[in-house]
Amino acid sequence: MKFESSKYSKLLEYKKIEFPFGNFYITKQFVISELNEGIHVDHIIAGEIVAHFSEHIKRNIKIGYIANRFNPYSIEPQLWREFSNEYDFLVASAVVSYSDFGYLNSSLEKHFFKNSLKRCRSLNEAIEWMMELDELKKGIQC
């Protein structure tokens, strides 16, 4: 399920950011990514994302990240480790997988992420988990 089709798009205040490779939704507590089918997330795409969110990063804001993977795409797993080592604004991440293969891939990625990474079977599960994290109750500004 896409975020804009979920009940949470009506309940949460958010800002949508469109990239050529997918969409991001910024809420007060977390960011949701919905990337396009078939893309490969590499250093170039990761750099573009970080550059866009650099103001939030500079302000030392703590957020959560949900990768809503309703489209199949690939990611270089070591990006999680490099990202975790360079930036500390992510409190936790959730990966929503809609297939057994996707769930297996997120299990592999979990080994590269130093913070908490929860594997979920639905967007609702990921959002509910994220909203219960004490570190994120304060929220960020959209």
N, C-alpha and C. Protein backbone atom coordinates (compact mmCIF):
# COMPACT_ATOMS: atom_id res chain seq x y z
N MET A 1 0.83 -1.18 0.00
CA MET A 1 0.00 0.00 0.00
C MET A 1 0.88 1.24 0.00
N LYS A 2 0.54 2.18 -0.83
CA LYS A 2 1.25 3.45 -0.87
C LYS A 2 0.79 4.33 0.30
N PHE A 3 1.71 5.19 0.75
CA PHE A 3 1.39 6.06 1.88
C PHE A 3 0.16 6.91 1.62
N GLU A 4 0.05 7.51 0.45
CA GLU A 4 -1.07 8.40 0.16
C GLU A 4 -2.40 7.67 0.10
N SER A 5 -2.38 6.34 -0.01
CA SER A 5 -3.61 5.54 0.02
C SER A 5 -3.91 5.02 1.42
N SER A 6 -3.01 5.24 2.35
CA SER A 6 -3.19 4.72 3.71
C SER A 6 -4.01 5.68 4.57
N LYS A 7 -4.53 5.15 5.66
CA LYS A 7 -5.29 6.00 6.59
C LYS A 7 -4.39 7.06 7.22
N TYR A 8 -3.09 6.78 7.30
CA TYR A 8 -2.18 7.71 7.96
C TYR A 8 -1.95 8.98 7.15
N SER A 9 -2.16 8.93 5.83
CA SER A 9 -2.00 10.15 5.04
C SER A 9 -3.07 11.18 5.39
N LYS A 10 -4.18 10.70 5.95
CA LYS A 10 -5.25 11.60 6.37
C LYS A 10 -5.11 12.01 7.84
N LEU A 11 -4.37 11.22 8.60
CA LEU A 11 -4.22 11.47 10.03
C LEU A 11 -2.97 12.27 10.39
N LEU A 12 -1.93 12.16 9.56
CA LEU A 12 -0.66 12.80 9.86
C LEU A 12 -0.42 13.99 8.93
N GLU A 13 0.15 15.03 9.49
CA GLU A 13 0.60 16.14 8.66
C GLU A 13 1.89 15.70 7.98
N TYR A 14 2.01 15.94 6.68
CA TYR A 14 3.21 15.54 5.96
C TYR A 14 3.49 16.46 4.78
N LYS A 15 4.71 16.37 4.33
CA LYS A 15 5.15 17.10 3.14
C LYS A 15 5.69 16.06 2.16
N LYS A 16 5.26 16.17 0.91
CA LYS A 16 5.71 15.24 -0.13
C LYS A 16 6.84 15.87 -0.93
N ILE A 17 7.90 15.09 -1.12
CA ILE A 17 9.03 15.53 -1.93
C ILE A 17 9.20 14.52 -3.06
N GLU A 18 9.18 15.02 -4.29
CA GLU A 18 9.29 14.15 -5.45
C GLU A 18 10.69 14.22 -6.05
N PHE A 19 11.27 13.05 -6.25
CA PHE A 19 12.55 12.90 -6.94
C PHE A 19 12.30 12.10 -8.22
N PRO A 20 13.22 12.13 -9.17
CA PRO A 20 13.04 11.32 -10.38
C PRO A 20 13.00 9.81 -10.09
N PHE A 21 13.57 9.41 -8.94
CA PHE A 21 13.65 7.99 -8.60
C PHE A 21 12.61 7.55 -7.58
N GLY A 22 11.75 8.45 -7.11
CA GLY A 22 10.71 8.09 -6.15
C GLY A 22 10.27 9.26 -5.30
N ASN A 23 9.37 8.99 -4.39
CA ASN A 23 8.80 10.02 -3.53
C ASN A 23 9.17 9.80 -2.06
N PHE A 24 9.26 10.92 -1.35
CA PHE A 24 9.52 10.89 0.09
C PHE A 24 8.42 11.69 0.78
N TYR A 25 8.00 11.21 1.94
CA TYR A 25 6.97 11.87 2.73
C TYR A 25 7.57 12.16 4.10
N ILE A 26 7.61 13.44 4.46
CA ILE A 26 8.18 13.85 5.75
C ILE A 26 7.04 14.11 6.71
N THR A 27 7.01 13.38 7.82
CA THR A 27 6.06 13.64 8.89
C THR A 27 6.84 14.24 10.05
N LYS A 28 6.16 14.48 11.15
CA LYS A 28 6.85 15.06 12.31
C LYS A 28 7.81 14.08 12.97
N GLN A 29 7.60 12.79 12.79
CA GLN A 29 8.43 11.81 13.46
C GLN A 29 9.33 11.00 12.54
N PHE A 30 8.97 10.88 11.28
CA PHE A 30 9.72 9.99 10.40
C PHE A 30 9.55 10.39 8.94
N VAL A 31 10.39 9.79 8.12
CA VAL A 31 10.36 9.97 6.67
C VAL A 31 10.02 8.62 6.05
N ILE A 32 9.14 8.64 5.06
CA ILE A 32 8.78 7.42 4.32
C ILE A 32 9.28 7.57 2.90
N SER A 33 9.99 6.56 2.41
CA SER A 33 10.40 6.57 1.01
C SER A 33 9.58 5.55 0.24
N GLU A 34 9.23 5.92 -0.98
CA GLU A 34 8.56 5.01 -1.92
C GLU A 34 9.28 5.18 -3.25
N LEU A 35 10.23 4.29 -3.49
CA LEU A 35 11.08 4.41 -4.67
C LEU A 35 10.47 3.69 -5.86
N ASN A 36 10.88 4.14 -7.04
CA ASN A 36 10.35 3.60 -8.29
C ASN A 36 10.85 2.18 -8.56
N GLU A 37 10.05 1.45 -9.29
CA GLU A 37 10.39 0.08 -9.65
C GLU A 37 11.66 0.04 -10.49
N GLY A 38 12.54 -0.91 -10.15
CA GLY A 38 13.71 -1.19 -10.96
C GLY A 38 14.92 -0.31 -10.73
N ILE A 39 14.83 0.70 -9.88
CA ILE A 39 16.01 1.55 -9.67
C ILE A 39 17.01 0.82 -8.80
N HIS A 40 18.25 1.27 -8.84
CA HIS A 40 19.31 0.75 -7.98
C HIS A 40 19.82 1.91 -7.14
N VAL A 41 19.63 1.81 -5.83
CA VAL A 41 20.09 2.87 -4.92
C VAL A 41 21.58 2.69 -4.70
N ASP A 42 22.33 3.67 -5.22
CA ASP A 42 23.78 3.66 -5.11
C ASP A 42 24.23 4.95 -4.42
N HIS A 43 25.53 5.21 -4.44
CA HIS A 43 26.05 6.41 -3.79
C HIS A 43 25.51 7.70 -4.40
N ILE A 44 25.23 7.69 -5.69
CA ILE A 44 24.72 8.90 -6.35
C ILE A 44 23.32 9.25 -5.84
N ILE A 45 22.44 8.26 -5.82
CA ILE A 45 21.07 8.50 -5.33
C ILE A 45 21.09 8.82 -3.84
N ALA A 46 21.87 8.07 -3.08
CA ALA A 46 21.96 8.33 -1.63
C ALA A 46 22.47 9.75 -1.38
N GLY A 47 23.45 10.19 -2.17
CA GLY A 47 23.98 11.54 -2.03
C GLY A 47 22.95 12.61 -2.33
N GLU A 48 22.11 12.35 -3.32
CA GLU A 48 21.06 13.31 -3.67
C GLU A 48 20.03 13.42 -2.53
N ILE A 49 19.72 12.30 -1.92
CA ILE A 49 18.77 12.30 -0.80
C ILE A 49 19.36 13.06 0.39
N VAL A 50 20.60 12.75 0.73
CA VAL A 50 21.26 13.41 1.86
C VAL A 50 21.36 14.91 1.61
N ALA A 51 21.71 15.30 0.39
CA ALA A 51 21.82 16.72 0.07
C ALA A 51 20.49 17.43 0.28
N HIS A 52 19.41 16.79 -0.11
CA HIS A 52 18.09 17.41 0.05
C HIS A 52 17.72 17.60 1.53
N PHE A 53 18.12 16.65 2.36
CA PHE A 53 17.76 16.70 3.78
C PHE A 53 18.88 17.28 4.64
N SER A 54 19.86 17.93 4.02
CA SER A 54 21.03 18.41 4.77
C SER A 54 20.68 19.42 5.85
N GLU A 55 19.67 20.25 5.64
CA GLU A 55 19.29 21.23 6.67
C GLU A 55 18.80 20.53 7.94
N HIS A 56 18.00 19.48 7.77
CA HIS A 56 17.55 18.71 8.93
C HIS A 56 18.74 18.05 9.63
N ILE A 57 19.67 17.53 8.83
CA ILE A 57 20.84 16.86 9.38
C ILE A 57 21.69 17.86 10.18
N LYS A 58 21.88 19.05 9.63
CA LYS A 58 22.69 20.08 10.30
C LYS A 58 22.08 20.51 11.63
N ARG A 59 20.77 20.49 11.73
CA ARG A 59 20.10 20.92 12.96
C ARG A 59 20.08 19.82 14.02
N ASN A 60 20.74 18.72 13.73
CA ASN A 60 20.85 17.60 14.67
C ASN A 60 19.49 17.05 15.07
N ILE A 61 18.58 16.98 14.13
CA ILE A 61 17.25 16.45 14.37
C ILE A 61 17.29 14.93 14.29
N LYS A 62 16.61 14.27 15.18
CA LYS A 62 16.52 12.81 15.19
C LYS A 62 15.20 12.39 14.56
N ILE A 63 15.27 11.49 13.59
CA ILE A 63 14.08 11.03 12.88
C ILE A 63 14.14 9.52 12.68
N GLY A 64 13.03 8.97 12.26
CA GLY A 64 12.95 7.58 11.85
C GLY A 64 12.81 7.52 10.34
N TYR A 65 13.07 6.36 9.79
CA TYR A 65 13.01 6.18 8.34
C TYR A 65 12.25 4.89 8.02
N ILE A 66 11.27 5.01 7.13
CA ILE A 66 10.50 3.85 6.68
C ILE A 66 10.71 3.71 5.17
N ALA A 67 11.23 2.57 4.76
CA ALA A 67 11.36 2.25 3.34
C ALA A 67 10.13 1.41 2.97
N ASN A 68 9.18 2.04 2.30
CA ASN A 68 7.96 1.35 1.89
C ASN A 68 8.20 0.75 0.51
N ARG A 69 8.56 -0.52 0.46
CA ARG A 69 9.03 -1.16 -0.76
C ARG A 69 7.94 -1.92 -1.50
N PHE A 70 6.91 -1.21 -1.91
CA PHE A 70 5.86 -1.88 -2.69
C PHE A 70 6.33 -2.09 -4.12
N ASN A 71 7.34 -1.34 -4.57
CA ASN A 71 7.98 -1.57 -5.87
C ASN A 71 9.29 -2.30 -5.65
N PRO A 72 9.60 -3.28 -6.49
CA PRO A 72 10.92 -3.94 -6.35
C PRO A 72 12.03 -3.03 -6.87
N TYR A 73 13.08 -2.89 -6.09
CA TYR A 73 14.27 -2.15 -6.48
C TYR A 73 15.42 -2.71 -5.67
N SER A 74 16.62 -2.32 -6.02
CA SER A 74 17.79 -2.83 -5.30
C SER A 74 18.53 -1.69 -4.61
N ILE A 75 19.28 -2.06 -3.60
CA ILE A 75 20.08 -1.10 -2.83
C ILE A 75 21.40 -1.76 -2.49
N GLU A 76 22.45 -0.99 -2.52
CA GLU A 76 23.75 -1.50 -2.10
C GLU A 76 23.72 -1.61 -0.58
N PRO A 77 23.76 -2.83 -0.03
CA PRO A 77 23.58 -2.99 1.42
C PRO A 77 24.61 -2.24 2.26
N GLN A 78 25.84 -2.11 1.77
CA GLN A 78 26.86 -1.40 2.56
C GLN A 78 26.55 0.08 2.72
N LEU A 79 25.61 0.61 1.92
CA LEU A 79 25.21 2.01 2.10
C LEU A 79 24.65 2.24 3.50
N TRP A 80 23.94 1.23 4.05
CA TRP A 80 23.41 1.35 5.41
C TRP A 80 24.56 1.59 6.39
N ARG A 81 25.62 0.80 6.28
CA ARG A 81 26.75 0.95 7.21
C ARG A 81 27.43 2.29 7.03
N GLU A 82 27.71 2.66 5.79
CA GLU A 82 28.37 3.94 5.53
C GLU A 82 27.51 5.10 6.02
N PHE A 83 26.22 5.04 5.76
CA PHE A 83 25.30 6.08 6.18
C PHE A 83 25.26 6.16 7.71
N SER A 84 25.18 5.01 8.37
CA SER A 84 25.13 4.97 9.84
C SER A 84 26.40 5.54 10.46
N ASN A 85 27.54 5.26 9.83
CA ASN A 85 28.80 5.75 10.36
C ASN A 85 28.98 7.25 10.17
N GLU A 86 28.46 7.78 9.07
CA GLU A 86 28.66 9.19 8.76
C GLU A 86 27.61 10.10 9.40
N TYR A 87 26.39 9.61 9.53
CA TYR A 87 25.29 10.44 10.05
C TYR A 87 24.65 9.74 11.23
N ASP A 88 24.22 10.53 12.21
CA ASP A 88 23.60 9.93 13.39
C ASP A 88 22.19 10.46 13.64
N PHE A 89 21.53 10.98 12.61
CA PHE A 89 20.19 11.54 12.81
C PHE A 89 19.10 10.48 12.75
N LEU A 90 19.40 9.29 12.24
CA LEU A 90 18.38 8.23 12.19
C LEU A 90 18.35 7.46 13.51
N VAL A 91 17.21 7.48 14.15
CA VAL A 91 17.03 6.75 15.40
C VAL A 91 16.77 5.28 15.10
N ALA A 92 15.92 5.03 14.12
CA ALA A 92 15.54 3.67 13.76
C ALA A 92 15.02 3.66 12.33
N SER A 93 15.00 2.48 11.75
CA SER A 93 14.45 2.31 10.41
C SER A 93 13.54 1.10 10.37
N ALA A 94 12.60 1.17 9.44
CA ALA A 94 11.70 0.04 9.19
C ALA A 94 11.67 -0.19 7.68
N VAL A 95 11.72 -1.44 7.29
CA VAL A 95 11.63 -1.80 5.89
C VAL A 95 10.35 -2.61 5.71
N VAL A 96 9.46 -2.11 4.85
CA VAL A 96 8.19 -2.78 4.57
C VAL A 96 8.39 -3.61 3.31
N SER A 97 8.26 -4.93 3.46
CA SER A 97 8.44 -5.85 2.34
C SER A 97 7.11 -6.54 2.04
N TYR A 98 6.80 -6.63 0.77
CA TYR A 98 5.54 -7.23 0.35
C TYR A 98 5.72 -8.61 -0.28
N SER A 99 6.93 -9.13 -0.22
CA SER A 99 7.20 -10.48 -0.73
C SER A 99 8.20 -11.17 0.19
N ASP A 100 8.26 -12.48 0.11
CA ASP A 100 9.22 -13.24 0.91
C ASP A 100 10.66 -12.88 0.51
N PHE A 101 10.88 -12.69 -0.79
CA PHE A 101 12.22 -12.31 -1.26
C PHE A 101 12.62 -10.95 -0.70
N GLY A 102 11.70 -10.00 -0.72
CA GLY A 102 11.98 -8.67 -0.17
C GLY A 102 12.27 -8.73 1.32
N TYR A 103 11.55 -9.58 2.03
CA TYR A 103 11.75 -9.74 3.47
C TYR A 103 13.15 -10.31 3.73
N LEU A 104 13.54 -11.28 2.92
CA LEU A 104 14.88 -11.87 3.04
C LEU A 104 15.96 -10.81 2.79
N ASN A 105 15.77 -9.99 1.77
CA ASN A 105 16.73 -8.92 1.48
C ASN A 105 16.85 -7.96 2.65
N SER A 106 15.72 -7.61 3.26
CA SER A 106 15.78 -6.68 4.40
C SER A 106 16.47 -7.34 5.60
N SER A 107 16.40 -8.66 5.70
CA SER A 107 17.13 -9.37 6.76
C SER A 107 18.63 -9.21 6.56
N LEU A 108 19.07 -9.26 5.31
CA LEU A 108 20.49 -9.04 5.01
C LEU A 108 20.89 -7.61 5.34
N GLU A 109 20.08 -6.65 4.94
CA GLU A 109 20.37 -5.24 5.21
C GLU A 109 20.46 -4.94 6.70
N LYS A 110 19.68 -5.66 7.48
CA LYS A 110 19.66 -5.46 8.93
C LYS A 110 21.05 -5.61 9.54
N HIS A 111 21.87 -6.47 8.96
CA HIS A 111 23.23 -6.71 9.46
C HIS A 111 24.16 -5.52 9.20
N PHE A 112 23.80 -4.65 8.29
CA PHE A 112 24.64 -3.51 7.93
C PHE A 112 24.25 -2.23 8.66
N PHE A 113 23.15 -2.23 9.37
CA PHE A 113 22.63 -1.02 10.01
C PHE A 113 22.90 -1.09 11.50
N LYS A 114 23.56 -0.08 12.06
CA LYS A 114 23.94 -0.15 13.47
C LYS A 114 22.78 0.14 14.42
N ASN A 115 21.79 0.91 13.99
CA ASN A 115 20.62 1.19 14.82
C ASN A 115 19.56 0.12 14.59
N SER A 116 18.44 0.31 15.22
CA SER A 116 17.34 -0.64 15.08
C SER A 116 16.76 -0.61 13.67
N LEU A 117 16.60 -1.78 13.06
CA LEU A 117 15.96 -1.89 11.76
C LEU A 117 14.90 -2.99 11.88
N LYS A 118 13.66 -2.58 11.78
CA LYS A 118 12.55 -3.53 11.91
C LYS A 118 12.06 -3.92 10.52
N ARG A 119 11.86 -5.21 10.34
CA ARG A 119 11.29 -5.71 9.09
C ARG A 119 9.79 -5.85 9.28
N CYS A 120 9.01 -5.28 8.38
CA CYS A 120 7.56 -5.25 8.51
C CYS A 120 6.90 -5.83 7.26
N ARG A 121 5.68 -6.31 7.44
CA ARG A 121 4.89 -6.85 6.33
C ARG A 121 3.84 -5.87 5.82
N SER A 122 3.67 -4.72 6.54
CA SER A 122 2.69 -3.73 6.08
C SER A 122 3.17 -2.33 6.49
N LEU A 123 2.70 -1.36 5.75
CA LEU A 123 3.02 0.03 6.06
C LEU A 123 2.43 0.42 7.41
N ASN A 124 1.22 -0.04 7.70
CA ASN A 124 0.59 0.26 8.99
C ASN A 124 1.45 -0.23 10.14
N GLU A 125 1.98 -1.45 10.03
CA GLU A 125 2.84 -2.01 11.07
C GLU A 125 4.07 -1.12 11.28
N ALA A 126 4.69 -0.67 10.20
CA ALA A 126 5.89 0.17 10.30
C ALA A 126 5.58 1.52 10.94
N ILE A 127 4.50 2.15 10.51
CA ILE A 127 4.14 3.46 11.06
C ILE A 127 3.78 3.35 12.54
N GLU A 128 3.00 2.35 12.90
CA GLU A 128 2.62 2.18 14.31
C GLU A 128 3.84 1.95 15.19
N TRP A 129 4.79 1.15 14.71
CA TRP A 129 6.02 0.89 15.46
C TRP A 129 6.82 2.19 15.63
N MET A 130 6.94 2.93 14.54
CA MET A 130 7.71 4.17 14.55
C MET A 130 7.09 5.19 15.51
N MET A 131 5.77 5.27 15.52
CA MET A 131 5.08 6.26 16.38
C MET A 131 5.20 5.93 17.86
N GLU A 132 5.54 4.70 18.19
CA GLU A 132 5.69 4.29 19.58
C GLU A 132 7.10 4.45 20.12
N LEU A 133 8.06 4.79 19.28
CA LEU A 133 9.44 4.93 19.74
C LEU A 133 9.58 6.19 20.59
N ASP A 134 10.06 6.03 21.80
CA ASP A 134 10.22 7.16 22.72
C ASP A 134 11.11 8.25 22.14
N GLU A 135 12.15 7.86 21.41
CA GLU A 135 13.09 8.83 20.86
C GLU A 135 12.45 9.75 19.83
N LEU A 136 11.29 9.35 19.29
CA LEU A 136 10.66 10.12 18.24
C LEU A 136 9.38 10.82 18.68
N LYS A 137 9.01 10.70 19.91
CA LYS A 137 7.75 11.30 20.37
C LYS A 137 7.74 12.81 20.27
N LYS A 138 8.94 13.44 20.36
CA LYS A 138 9.04 14.90 20.28
C LYS A 138 8.71 15.39 18.87
N GLY A 139 9.17 14.69 17.85
CA GLY A 139 8.84 15.04 16.48
C GLY A 139 9.74 16.08 15.84
N ILE A 140 9.57 16.23 14.53
CA ILE A 140 10.32 17.20 13.74
C ILE A 140 9.32 18.12 13.05
N GLN A 141 9.80 19.20 12.48
CA GLN A 141 8.93 20.12 11.76
C GLN A 141 8.89 19.74 10.29
N CYS A 142 7.71 19.69 9.72
CA CYS A 142 7.57 19.37 8.28
C CYS A 142 8.06 20.52 7.44
